[in-house]
Amino acid sequence: MNRFSNKIAALALAFLVLTAVAAHADRKPKKKKNTDLSANPLASVNSKQPDKELFDKAMLALKKGRFDVARLDLQTMLNTYPESEYRMRAKLAVGDSWFKEGGTAALTQAEAEYKDFITFFPNAPEAAEAQMKVADIYYQQMEKPDRDPNNTERAELEYRNMINMFPDSTLVPRAKQKLRDVQEVLAERESEIGLYYESRENFGAAIARLETVVDTYPLYSKSDQALLGIGDAYAGEARRIQVQANLPGAIKERLHSVYADKAAEAYAKVIVRYPMAPHVEDARDRLVAMNRPVPEPTQEAVAENDAEERSRQPLRFTGKTLDIIKHGPMVVEAVHVGEPSLEDPKRTLAPDITKQNIALFNDAVNASRPPAAAAGPITPTGPNEPPRSDQPSTVPLQLAPPAGSSGVSAEIVSAPSGPAPTAADPNAVLKPVGPANTAIPAAEKPAEAPVPVNEVKSAGATATDINAKSKKPKVDSSEESSSKKKKKKGLAKINPF
């Protein structure tokens, strides 16, 4: 039994070996891979020239990631064969080797090589490719919107240069899309700063940032939110004016009306320009609350904004997660239709907004003042016209003394504001009453009073007489009678009185 099993196994093994040999005999021999890159589109022939050999060797090293070897072969070819038909592609390949190597230093060297290529071959079709890669260098180094914007701003400049310098290149559509992505990042940065200022009630700075976004980057995915922020900032300015305690009511009303008009204009622009945006209903609600008319967008505006919104890629959960891990910004919400802005950004600065507010305040103050009198000579009022504050009357006001009075009259004279006039003023309101000669006579010396006849002139008392003690004069008993000296008789002696 075991011998039978061994025979069967041997037959099966022999069958498998024969099958494998037959299959190997039927297989066609594999051709050797063409690694010499002789079929180059620039040559179109299988040439074995020395410059071609060096160029192919460099391209093979570049493909395998041996960048230093590739650059050495390319520089050897350029120095040895300066008139070679491959010199243009070799010069561009040197920049590609630095570009693919990566790193800050390598990318800087790649930019220099591409700039040199554009300088030496400005009319070549590869010049547009070189300029495109210069812009891609800064695109790869872009930071998030809340980080340093230098690389982002430089990428915007280089993509604009590429589109303006080579408008007929086949790379223009790709450059425009890259430019939309870059402008999305720049607009996001400005919008975040403006909304932060608005949260801190710094309305002037918020309006400046948000107006820059709206004017410079109309394809921004959150332009409706930026316009809504502008309207809210102006509404905040209007509320701030209303609570000012040291402003007159007329000035408050004028300024409040101006700021309310600006806020309503921003809300209306959201509805007219971005009718399919997410914040359109918020703008409508604000206009209704302000008792302002709600505009209706045109069919062209609806179709244009609908195409913009449909071209955007929604930001999903995976995209948000990658945004946290990824070094560069997330641009999935950038629009894919429409023409990006090719002009320099028109920035609105906060000092400009402050100057506008000062001008509005001055206009409100001047509007609350009464109109100034027309310049020209002042004509006095007539005799039968009531006197006015700005024109004197020709009829003087005189008060005659009433009948039976002592002849004393009263006159009303206005105090002159300048020097005393030397002649009669024809425009004087009141004229003086009395004789024409108003000179005051010189004061006369009063006469001396007569001396009384019956009065004795007393000599002046001396100090000795005043200080001396006065003595009582003696009584002459012979000349006057006195009860004290008369002798009492009889009962008179008893009477005490």
Protein backbone atom coordinates (compact mmCIF):
# COMPACT_ATOMS: atom_id res chain seq x y z
CA MET A 1 0.00 0.00 0.00
CA ASN A 2 2.82 2.33 0.86
CA ARG A 3 4.63 1.49 -2.35
CA PHE A 4 1.50 2.37 -4.37
CA SER A 5 1.19 5.70 -2.65
CA ASN A 6 4.80 6.54 -3.36
CA LYS A 7 4.30 5.87 -7.07
CA ILE A 8 1.28 8.16 -7.22
CA ALA A 9 3.20 10.96 -5.51
CA ALA A 10 6.11 10.56 -7.90
CA LEU A 11 3.83 10.74 -10.94
CA ALA A 12 2.17 13.88 -9.62
CA LEU A 13 5.50 15.55 -8.99
CA ALA A 14 6.71 14.69 -12.47
CA PHE A 15 3.51 16.17 -13.96
CA LEU A 16 4.02 19.45 -12.12
CA VAL A 17 7.63 19.69 -13.25
CA LEU A 18 6.71 19.09 -16.88
CA THR A 19 3.95 21.72 -16.70
CA ALA A 20 6.34 24.32 -15.28
CA VAL A 21 8.93 23.62 -17.97
CA ALA A 22 6.36 23.98 -20.71
CA ALA A 23 5.09 27.28 -19.30
CA HIS A 24 8.61 28.67 -19.07
CA ALA A 25 9.28 27.65 -22.68
CA ASP A 26 6.15 29.47 -23.91
CA ARG A 27 7.00 32.75 -22.02
CA LYS A 28 8.46 35.48 -24.18
CA PRO A 29 11.81 36.85 -23.16
CA LYS A 30 11.45 40.12 -21.17
CA LYS A 31 12.86 43.15 -22.88
CA LYS A 32 15.46 45.16 -21.04
CA LYS A 33 14.08 48.38 -19.66
CA ASN A 34 15.14 51.42 -21.61
CA THR A 35 16.92 53.40 -18.90
CA ASP A 36 19.07 55.57 -21.11
CA LEU A 37 16.18 57.96 -21.86
CA SER A 38 17.26 58.18 -25.46
CA ALA A 39 13.71 58.82 -26.63
CA ASN A 40 13.68 62.41 -25.26
CA PRO A 41 11.01 64.72 -26.69
CA LEU A 42 13.62 67.37 -27.33
CA ALA A 43 15.80 65.04 -29.44
CA SER A 44 13.16 62.71 -30.93
CA VAL A 45 16.00 60.42 -31.98
CA ASN A 46 18.01 57.69 -30.28
CA SER A 47 21.20 59.68 -30.35
CA LYS A 48 24.29 58.82 -28.36
CA GLN A 49 25.84 62.27 -28.23
CA PRO A 50 27.91 63.18 -25.13
CA ASP A 51 25.64 66.02 -24.01
CA LYS A 52 22.65 63.70 -24.42
CA GLU A 53 24.36 61.04 -22.33
CA LEU A 54 25.06 63.50 -19.51
CA PHE A 55 21.53 64.86 -19.61
CA ASP A 56 19.98 61.39 -19.47
CA LYS A 57 22.25 60.37 -16.63
CA ALA A 58 21.25 63.46 -14.67
CA MET A 59 17.55 62.82 -15.27
CA LEU A 60 17.90 59.25 -14.04
CA ALA A 61 19.66 60.42 -10.87
CA LEU A 62 17.00 63.07 -10.32
CA LYS A 63 14.28 60.45 -10.63
CA LYS A 64 15.97 58.24 -8.02
CA GLY A 65 16.33 61.13 -5.57
CA ARG A 66 20.10 61.55 -5.95
CA PHE A 67 19.88 65.32 -6.28
CA ASP A 68 23.52 66.15 -5.74
CA VAL A 69 24.61 63.71 -8.48
CA ALA A 70 21.99 65.09 -10.84
CA ARG A 71 23.14 68.68 -10.27
CA LEU A 72 26.78 67.70 -10.81
CA ASP A 73 26.01 66.04 -14.18
CA LEU A 74 23.85 68.96 -15.29
CA GLN A 75 26.48 71.55 -14.40
CA THR A 76 29.11 69.47 -16.24
CA MET A 77 26.94 69.40 -19.34
CA LEU A 78 26.25 73.15 -19.21
CA ASN A 79 29.91 74.02 -18.75
CA THR A 80 31.19 71.57 -21.36
CA TYR A 81 28.52 72.00 -24.02
CA PRO A 82 27.21 75.58 -23.77
CA GLU A 83 25.65 75.37 -27.23
CA SER A 84 23.80 72.11 -26.59
CA GLU A 85 20.17 71.82 -27.47
CA TYR A 86 19.54 70.51 -23.95
CA ARG A 87 20.96 73.54 -22.13
CA MET A 88 17.55 75.13 -21.54
CA ARG A 89 16.07 71.95 -20.06
CA ALA A 90 19.25 71.36 -18.07
CA LYS A 91 19.10 74.86 -16.54
CA LEU A 92 15.49 74.28 -15.52
CA ALA A 93 16.35 70.80 -14.18
CA VAL A 94 18.91 72.32 -11.80
CA GLY A 95 16.14 74.33 -10.20
CA ASP A 96 13.92 71.23 -10.10
CA SER A 97 16.59 69.32 -8.20
CA TRP A 98 16.63 71.97 -5.47
CA PHE A 99 12.84 72.19 -5.48
CA LYS A 100 12.37 68.45 -5.02
CA GLU A 101 15.02 68.27 -2.34
CA GLY A 102 12.94 70.60 -0.15
CA GLY A 103 13.92 72.55 2.94
CA THR A 104 14.23 76.28 3.44
CA ALA A 105 17.76 76.56 2.08
CA ALA A 106 17.06 74.32 -0.91
CA LEU A 107 13.88 76.19 -1.83
CA THR A 108 15.72 79.49 -1.65
CA GLN A 109 18.35 78.14 -4.05
CA ALA A 110 15.61 76.79 -6.32
CA GLU A 111 14.00 80.24 -6.50
CA ALA A 112 17.31 81.77 -7.53
CA GLU A 113 17.76 79.16 -10.29
CA TYR A 114 14.22 79.74 -11.62
CA LYS A 115 14.72 83.51 -11.63
CA ASP A 116 17.95 83.07 -13.59
CA PHE A 117 16.15 80.87 -16.11
CA ILE A 118 13.47 83.56 -16.67
CA THR A 119 16.22 86.14 -17.12
CA PHE A 120 18.14 84.07 -19.71
CA PHE A 121 15.11 82.58 -21.54
CA PRO A 122 12.22 85.07 -21.12
CA ASN A 123 10.45 84.05 -24.35
CA ALA A 124 10.72 80.30 -23.92
CA PRO A 125 7.58 78.33 -23.07
CA GLU A 126 9.39 76.94 -20.04
CA ALA A 127 9.63 80.47 -18.55
CA ALA A 128 6.00 80.26 -17.49
CA GLU A 129 6.75 76.93 -15.82
CA ALA A 130 9.68 78.50 -13.98
CA GLN A 131 7.55 81.39 -12.72
CA MET A 132 4.84 78.95 -11.68
CA LYS A 133 7.32 77.00 -9.60
CA VAL A 134 8.58 80.17 -7.95
CA ALA A 135 5.03 80.81 -6.77
CA ASP A 136 4.69 77.17 -5.70
CA ILE A 137 7.75 77.58 -3.47
CA TYR A 138 5.94 80.14 -1.34
CA TYR A 139 2.66 78.25 -1.60
CA GLN A 140 4.29 75.25 0.07
CA GLN A 141 5.58 77.45 2.91
CA MET A 142 2.27 79.16 3.69
CA GLU A 143 1.23 79.28 7.34
CA LYS A 144 -2.24 79.20 8.87
CA PRO A 145 -4.29 82.44 8.81
CA ASP A 146 -3.36 83.33 12.39
CA ARG A 147 0.40 82.98 11.74
CA ASP A 148 3.04 84.93 9.84
CA PRO A 149 1.52 86.01 6.47
CA ASN A 150 4.79 86.82 4.65
CA ASN A 151 4.92 83.62 2.58
CA THR A 152 1.22 83.88 1.78
CA GLU A 153 1.55 87.46 0.58
CA ARG A 154 4.60 86.56 -1.50
CA ALA A 155 2.76 83.62 -3.06
CA GLU A 156 -0.08 85.97 -4.05
CA LEU A 157 2.40 88.33 -5.69
CA GLU A 158 4.17 85.57 -7.64
CA TYR A 159 0.93 84.03 -8.94
CA ARG A 160 -0.21 87.45 -10.10
CA ASN A 161 3.09 87.95 -11.89
CA MET A 162 2.74 84.60 -13.60
CA ILE A 163 -0.79 85.38 -14.87
CA ASN A 164 0.16 88.90 -16.00
CA MET A 165 3.49 87.94 -17.62
CA PHE A 166 2.32 84.77 -19.40
CA PRO A 167 -1.41 85.17 -20.12
CA ASP A 168 -1.30 82.65 -22.99
CA SER A 169 0.32 79.83 -21.05
CA THR A 170 -1.52 76.58 -20.46
CA LEU A 171 -0.64 76.90 -16.76
CA VAL A 172 -2.82 80.01 -16.27
CA PRO A 173 -5.96 78.10 -15.09
CA ARG A 174 -3.92 76.29 -12.45
CA ALA A 175 -2.29 79.56 -11.39
CA LYS A 176 -5.70 81.23 -11.00
CA GLN A 177 -6.95 78.44 -8.77
CA LYS A 178 -3.84 78.66 -6.64
CA LEU A 179 -4.38 82.41 -6.41
CA ARG A 180 -7.95 81.85 -5.19
CA ASP A 181 -6.63 79.55 -2.49
CA VAL A 182 -4.05 82.09 -1.39
CA GLN A 183 -6.58 84.92 -1.29
CA GLU A 184 -8.90 82.75 0.77
CA VAL A 185 -6.19 82.49 3.43
CA LEU A 186 -5.42 86.22 3.38
CA ALA A 187 -9.10 87.14 3.58
CA GLU A 188 -9.60 84.74 6.48
CA ARG A 189 -6.77 86.43 8.36
CA GLU A 190 -8.18 89.95 7.85
CA SER A 191 -11.69 88.83 8.74
CA GLU A 192 -10.62 87.20 11.99
CA ILE A 193 -8.76 90.34 13.06
CA GLY A 194 -11.73 92.55 12.17
CA LEU A 195 -14.21 90.41 14.10
CA TYR A 196 -11.87 90.43 17.11
CA TYR A 197 -11.76 94.24 17.06
CA GLU A 198 -15.53 94.32 16.85
CA SER A 199 -15.83 92.06 19.91
CA ARG A 200 -13.64 94.57 21.78
CA GLU A 201 -15.89 97.45 20.59
CA ASN A 202 -13.06 99.01 18.60
CA PHE A 203 -15.43 99.76 15.75
CA GLY A 204 -13.08 101.92 13.69
CA ALA A 205 -10.40 99.23 13.42
CA ALA A 206 -13.05 96.55 12.78
CA ILE A 207 -14.59 98.51 9.91
CA ALA A 208 -11.14 99.10 8.36
CA ARG A 209 -10.23 95.39 8.37
CA LEU A 210 -13.60 94.14 7.14
CA GLU A 211 -13.85 96.73 4.37
CA THR A 212 -10.41 95.60 3.17
CA VAL A 213 -11.74 92.04 2.92
CA VAL A 214 -14.88 93.04 1.03
CA ASP A 215 -13.13 95.38 -1.42
CA THR A 216 -10.05 93.25 -2.16
CA TYR A 217 -11.29 89.64 -1.94
CA PRO A 218 -14.87 89.48 -3.26
CA LEU A 219 -14.62 85.67 -3.76
CA TYR A 220 -13.96 85.03 -0.07
CA SER A 221 -16.16 82.25 1.28
CA LYS A 222 -17.29 84.40 4.25
CA SER A 223 -17.79 87.74 2.55
CA ASP A 224 -21.38 87.84 3.75
CA GLN A 225 -20.18 87.53 7.34
CA ALA A 226 -17.68 90.35 6.77
CA LEU A 227 -20.41 92.66 5.43
CA LEU A 228 -22.62 91.73 8.35
CA GLY A 229 -19.77 92.68 10.69
CA ILE A 230 -19.44 96.08 9.00
CA GLY A 231 -23.14 96.75 9.53
CA ASP A 232 -22.94 95.68 13.17
CA ALA A 233 -19.94 97.97 13.73
CA TYR A 234 -21.80 100.99 12.35
CA ALA A 235 -24.81 100.07 14.46
CA GLY A 236 -22.50 99.98 17.48
CA GLU A 237 -21.28 103.48 16.62
CA ALA A 238 -24.90 104.66 16.50
CA ARG A 239 -25.62 103.20 19.95
CA ARG A 240 -22.47 104.77 21.35
CA ILE A 241 -23.61 108.21 20.13
CA GLN A 242 -27.02 107.77 21.76
CA VAL A 243 -25.55 107.24 25.24
CA GLN A 244 -23.26 110.28 25.11
CA ALA A 245 -24.40 112.62 27.87
CA ASN A 246 -22.48 115.74 26.82
CA LEU A 247 -23.87 116.02 23.27
CA PRO A 248 -26.90 118.09 22.30
CA GLY A 249 -29.93 116.21 21.11
CA ALA A 250 -29.81 117.59 17.58
CA ILE A 251 -26.23 116.40 17.05
CA LYS A 252 -27.09 112.98 18.47
CA GLU A 253 -29.98 112.55 16.07
CA ARG A 254 -27.95 113.53 13.03
CA LEU A 255 -25.01 111.24 13.84
CA HIS A 256 -27.32 108.37 14.75
CA SER A 257 -29.11 108.75 11.42
CA VAL A 258 -25.82 108.75 9.45
CA TYR A 259 -24.45 105.62 11.17
CA ALA A 260 -27.78 103.84 10.83
CA ASP A 261 -27.77 104.54 7.08
CA LYS A 262 -24.27 103.06 6.74
CA ALA A 263 -25.31 99.96 8.69
CA ALA A 264 -28.38 99.48 6.51
CA GLU A 265 -26.25 99.86 3.38
CA ALA A 266 -23.94 97.05 4.51
CA TYR A 267 -26.88 94.77 5.33
CA ALA A 268 -28.46 95.47 1.96
CA LYS A 269 -25.23 94.61 0.15
CA VAL A 270 -25.27 91.13 1.70
CA ILE A 271 -28.67 90.49 0.13
CA VAL A 272 -27.82 92.02 -3.25
CA ARG A 273 -24.32 90.54 -3.77
CA TYR A 274 -24.49 87.23 -1.88
CA PRO A 275 -28.15 86.13 -2.02
CA MET A 276 -27.28 82.42 -1.60
CA ALA A 277 -24.87 82.89 1.31
CA PRO A 278 -25.63 81.48 4.78
CA HIS A 279 -26.02 84.89 6.52
CA VAL A 280 -28.59 86.42 4.17
CA GLU A 281 -31.46 85.85 6.57
CA ASP A 282 -29.55 87.57 9.36
CA ALA A 283 -29.17 90.64 7.15
CA ARG A 284 -32.89 90.60 6.35
CA ASP A 285 -33.81 90.42 10.03
CA ARG A 286 -31.60 93.38 10.87
CA LEU A 287 -33.13 95.51 8.13
CA VAL A 288 -36.64 94.65 9.30
CA ALA A 289 -35.71 95.55 12.88
CA MET A 290 -34.43 98.94 11.66
CA ASN A 291 -37.64 99.57 9.67
CA ARG A 292 -35.63 99.76 6.46
CA PRO A 293 -36.69 98.36 3.07
CA VAL A 294 -35.32 94.92 2.16
CA PRO A 295 -33.91 94.87 -1.41
CA GLU A 296 -34.44 92.04 -3.84
CA PRO A 297 -31.43 90.54 -5.67
CA THR A 298 -31.34 90.22 -9.44
CA GLN A 299 -31.44 86.90 -11.27
CA GLU A 300 -27.86 87.38 -12.46
CA ALA A 301 -26.63 87.90 -8.90
CA VAL A 302 -28.50 84.80 -7.73
CA ALA A 303 -27.02 82.66 -10.53
CA GLU A 304 -23.49 83.99 -9.97
CA ASN A 305 -23.51 83.46 -6.23
CA ASP A 306 -25.14 80.03 -6.59
CA ALA A 307 -22.32 78.92 -8.91
CA GLU A 308 -19.76 80.17 -6.38
CA GLU A 309 -21.38 78.32 -3.50
CA ARG A 310 -21.67 75.07 -5.48
CA SER A 311 -18.00 75.15 -6.47
CA ARG A 312 -16.83 75.13 -2.87
CA GLN A 313 -15.96 71.88 -1.13
CA PRO A 314 -17.69 71.45 2.22
CA LEU A 315 -15.44 71.32 5.26
CA ARG A 316 -16.11 67.90 6.80
CA PHE A 317 -15.03 66.39 10.09
CA THR A 318 -11.96 64.79 8.54
CA GLY A 319 -10.95 68.13 7.07
CA LYS A 320 -11.21 69.83 10.44
CA THR A 321 -9.11 67.10 12.00
CA LEU A 322 -6.46 67.39 9.31
CA ASP A 323 -6.44 71.15 9.73
CA ILE A 324 -5.22 70.68 13.29
CA ILE A 325 -2.44 68.31 12.25
CA LYS A 326 -1.49 69.87 8.92
CA HIS A 327 1.25 72.47 8.84
CA GLY A 328 -0.27 74.70 6.16
CA PRO A 329 -3.73 76.25 5.90
CA MET A 330 -6.90 74.48 4.87
CA VAL A 331 -8.27 75.85 1.58
CA VAL A 332 -11.06 73.40 0.77
CA GLU A 333 -13.68 76.17 1.07
CA ALA A 334 -12.01 78.32 -1.59
CA VAL A 335 -14.14 79.06 -4.63
CA HIS A 336 -13.32 77.36 -7.96
CA VAL A 337 -15.06 79.80 -10.30
CA GLY A 338 -14.75 83.50 -10.96
CA GLU A 339 -11.81 85.73 -11.65
CA PRO A 340 -9.46 86.34 -8.73
CA SER A 341 -8.28 89.85 -7.96
CA LEU A 342 -5.14 90.69 -9.96
CA GLU A 343 -4.64 94.18 -8.53
CA ASP A 344 -2.76 95.24 -5.45
CA PRO A 345 -4.89 95.05 -2.30
CA LYS A 346 -6.76 98.28 -1.59
CA ARG A 347 -6.40 98.48 2.14
CA THR A 348 -8.61 100.63 4.35
CA LEU A 349 -6.74 101.92 7.40
CA ALA A 350 -8.18 102.69 10.82
CA PRO A 351 -6.95 106.34 10.73
CA ASP A 352 -9.02 106.84 7.59
CA ILE A 353 -12.14 105.67 9.41
CA THR A 354 -11.30 107.99 12.32
CA LYS A 355 -11.01 110.95 9.94
CA GLN A 356 -14.39 110.08 8.45
CA ASN A 357 -15.96 110.01 11.90
CA ILE A 358 -14.47 113.42 12.73
CA ALA A 359 -15.80 114.84 9.45
CA LEU A 360 -19.27 113.44 10.20
CA PHE A 361 -19.21 114.98 13.67
CA ASN A 362 -18.17 118.39 12.32
CA ASP A 363 -20.92 118.26 9.70
CA ALA A 364 -23.49 117.46 12.37
CA VAL A 365 -22.29 120.34 14.56
CA ASN A 366 -22.36 122.80 11.67
CA ALA A 367 -25.80 121.66 10.60
CA SER A 368 -27.18 122.36 14.09
CA ARG A 369 -26.01 125.99 14.05
CA PRO A 370 -28.31 128.79 12.73
CA PRO A 371 -27.44 130.12 9.30
CA ALA A 372 -25.07 133.08 9.32
CA ALA A 373 -26.35 136.51 8.20
CA ALA A 374 -25.60 137.47 4.63
CA ALA A 375 -22.49 139.58 4.25
CA GLY A 376 -22.99 143.23 3.21
CA PRO A 377 -23.85 146.67 4.60
CA ILE A 378 -26.47 146.78 7.34
CA THR A 379 -29.56 148.75 6.37
CA PRO A 380 -31.42 150.37 9.29
CA THR A 381 -35.10 149.63 9.73
CA GLY A 382 -37.73 152.15 8.78
CA PRO A 383 -39.70 154.34 11.19
CA ASN A 384 -42.77 152.11 11.19
CA GLU A 385 -40.90 148.79 11.28
CA PRO A 386 -40.21 146.92 14.51
CA PRO A 387 -36.57 147.01 15.59
CA ARG A 388 -34.41 143.97 14.86
CA SER A 389 -31.38 142.61 16.63
CA ASP A 390 -29.18 142.70 13.54
CA GLN A 391 -30.32 146.11 12.20
CA PRO A 392 -30.63 149.41 14.14
CA SER A 393 -33.74 151.54 14.06
CA THR A 394 -33.82 155.09 12.65
CA VAL A 395 -36.33 156.37 15.27
CA PRO A 396 -34.69 157.29 18.59
CA LEU A 397 -36.42 156.36 21.80
CA GLN A 398 -37.11 159.47 23.91
CA LEU A 399 -39.06 159.66 27.14
CA ALA A 400 -40.66 163.11 27.72
CA PRO A 401 -41.38 164.18 31.29
CA PRO A 402 -45.02 163.74 32.30
CA ALA A 403 -47.26 166.73 32.89
CA GLY A 404 -46.88 168.33 36.27
CA SER A 405 -43.49 166.83 36.92
CA SER A 406 -40.45 168.70 38.12
CA GLY A 407 -38.98 168.69 34.64
CA VAL A 408 -36.60 165.84 35.20
CA SER A 409 -36.49 163.60 32.11
CA ALA A 410 -35.13 160.08 31.61
CA GLU A 411 -33.19 158.86 28.63
CA ILE A 412 -31.97 155.37 27.58
CA VAL A 413 -28.50 155.44 26.23
CA SER A 414 -26.65 152.30 25.00
CA ALA A 415 -23.08 152.01 26.16
CA PRO A 416 -20.73 152.22 23.19
CA SER A 417 -18.52 149.17 22.61
CA GLY A 418 -15.71 151.17 20.97
CA PRO A 419 -14.19 154.61 21.39
CA ALA A 420 -16.48 157.58 21.87
CA PRO A 421 -17.71 158.89 18.52
CA THR A 422 -16.68 162.38 17.56
CA ALA A 423 -19.78 163.04 15.46
CA ALA A 424 -23.42 162.10 15.71
CA ASP A 425 -24.01 158.47 14.77
CA PRO A 426 -26.88 158.17 12.26
CA ASN A 427 -27.42 154.54 13.23
CA ALA A 428 -27.64 155.17 16.96
CA VAL A 429 -30.72 153.63 18.52
CA LEU A 430 -31.32 156.44 21.07
CA LYS A 431 -30.29 160.07 20.84
CA PRO A 432 -29.41 162.17 23.91
CA VAL A 433 -32.06 164.52 25.32
CA GLY A 434 -31.18 168.13 26.35
CA PRO A 435 -29.50 171.18 24.99
CA ALA A 436 -26.89 170.91 22.35
CA ASN A 437 -24.28 172.58 24.55
CA THR A 438 -23.53 169.99 27.18
CA ALA A 439 -20.38 171.61 28.54
CA ILE A 440 -20.30 171.57 32.36
CA PRO A 441 -19.44 174.98 33.95
CA ALA A 442 -16.63 175.28 36.45
CA ALA A 443 -17.65 174.76 40.08
CA GLU A 444 -17.96 178.07 42.16
CA LYS A 445 -16.40 178.51 45.60
CA PRO A 446 -19.11 178.93 48.30
CA ALA A 447 -19.20 182.25 50.23
CA GLU A 448 -18.07 182.41 53.85
CA ALA A 449 -20.78 182.41 56.53
CA PRO A 450 -21.17 185.73 58.54
CA VAL A 451 -19.97 185.88 62.14
CA PRO A 452 -22.84 186.07 64.74
CA VAL A 453 -23.09 189.34 66.61
CA ASN A 454 -24.27 188.03 70.01
CA GLU A 455 -21.68 185.30 70.27
CA VAL A 456 -18.48 185.77 72.09
CA LYS A 457 -15.43 184.66 70.41
CA SER A 458 -13.83 182.20 72.66
CA ALA A 459 -10.17 181.92 72.68
CA GLY A 460 -8.74 178.56 72.14
CA ALA A 461 -8.34 176.47 75.30
CA THR A 462 -4.86 175.60 76.33
CA ALA A 463 -3.63 172.34 77.54
CA THR A 464 -3.09 173.76 81.01
CA ASP A 465 -6.68 174.94 81.34
CA ILE A 466 -8.01 171.58 80.19
CA ASN A 467 -5.86 169.59 82.53
CA ALA A 468 -6.42 171.93 85.52
CA LYS A 469 -9.12 170.91 88.01
CA SER A 470 -12.14 173.21 87.80
CA LYS A 471 -13.10 174.91 91.10
CA LYS A 472 -16.64 175.71 92.22
CA PRO A 473 -17.24 179.48 92.37
CA LYS A 474 -18.13 181.06 95.65
CA VAL A 475 -21.72 182.22 96.23
CA ASP A 476 -22.25 185.83 97.14
CA SER A 477 -24.70 185.62 100.01
CA SER A 478 -25.49 189.25 99.74
CA GLU A 479 -26.90 189.03 96.26
CA GLU A 480 -28.93 185.82 96.36
CA SER A 481 -31.21 184.40 98.97
CA SER A 482 -30.96 180.91 100.19
CA SER A 483 -33.06 178.87 102.56
CA LYS A 484 -29.95 177.40 103.96
CA LYS A 485 -28.74 180.76 105.17
CA LYS A 486 -32.17 182.00 106.50
CA LYS A 487 -32.78 181.21 110.12
CA LYS A 488 -35.95 179.19 110.81
CA LYS A 489 -38.42 180.19 113.41
CA GLY A 490 -41.26 178.49 115.35
CA LEU A 491 -42.76 175.34 113.84
CA ALA A 492 -40.61 175.70 110.81
CA LYS A 493 -37.84 174.23 112.78
CA ILE A 494 -39.74 170.95 112.96
CA ASN A 495 -40.70 170.77 109.22
CA PRO A 496 -37.93 168.94 107.42
CA PHE A 497 -38.95 170.25 104.00
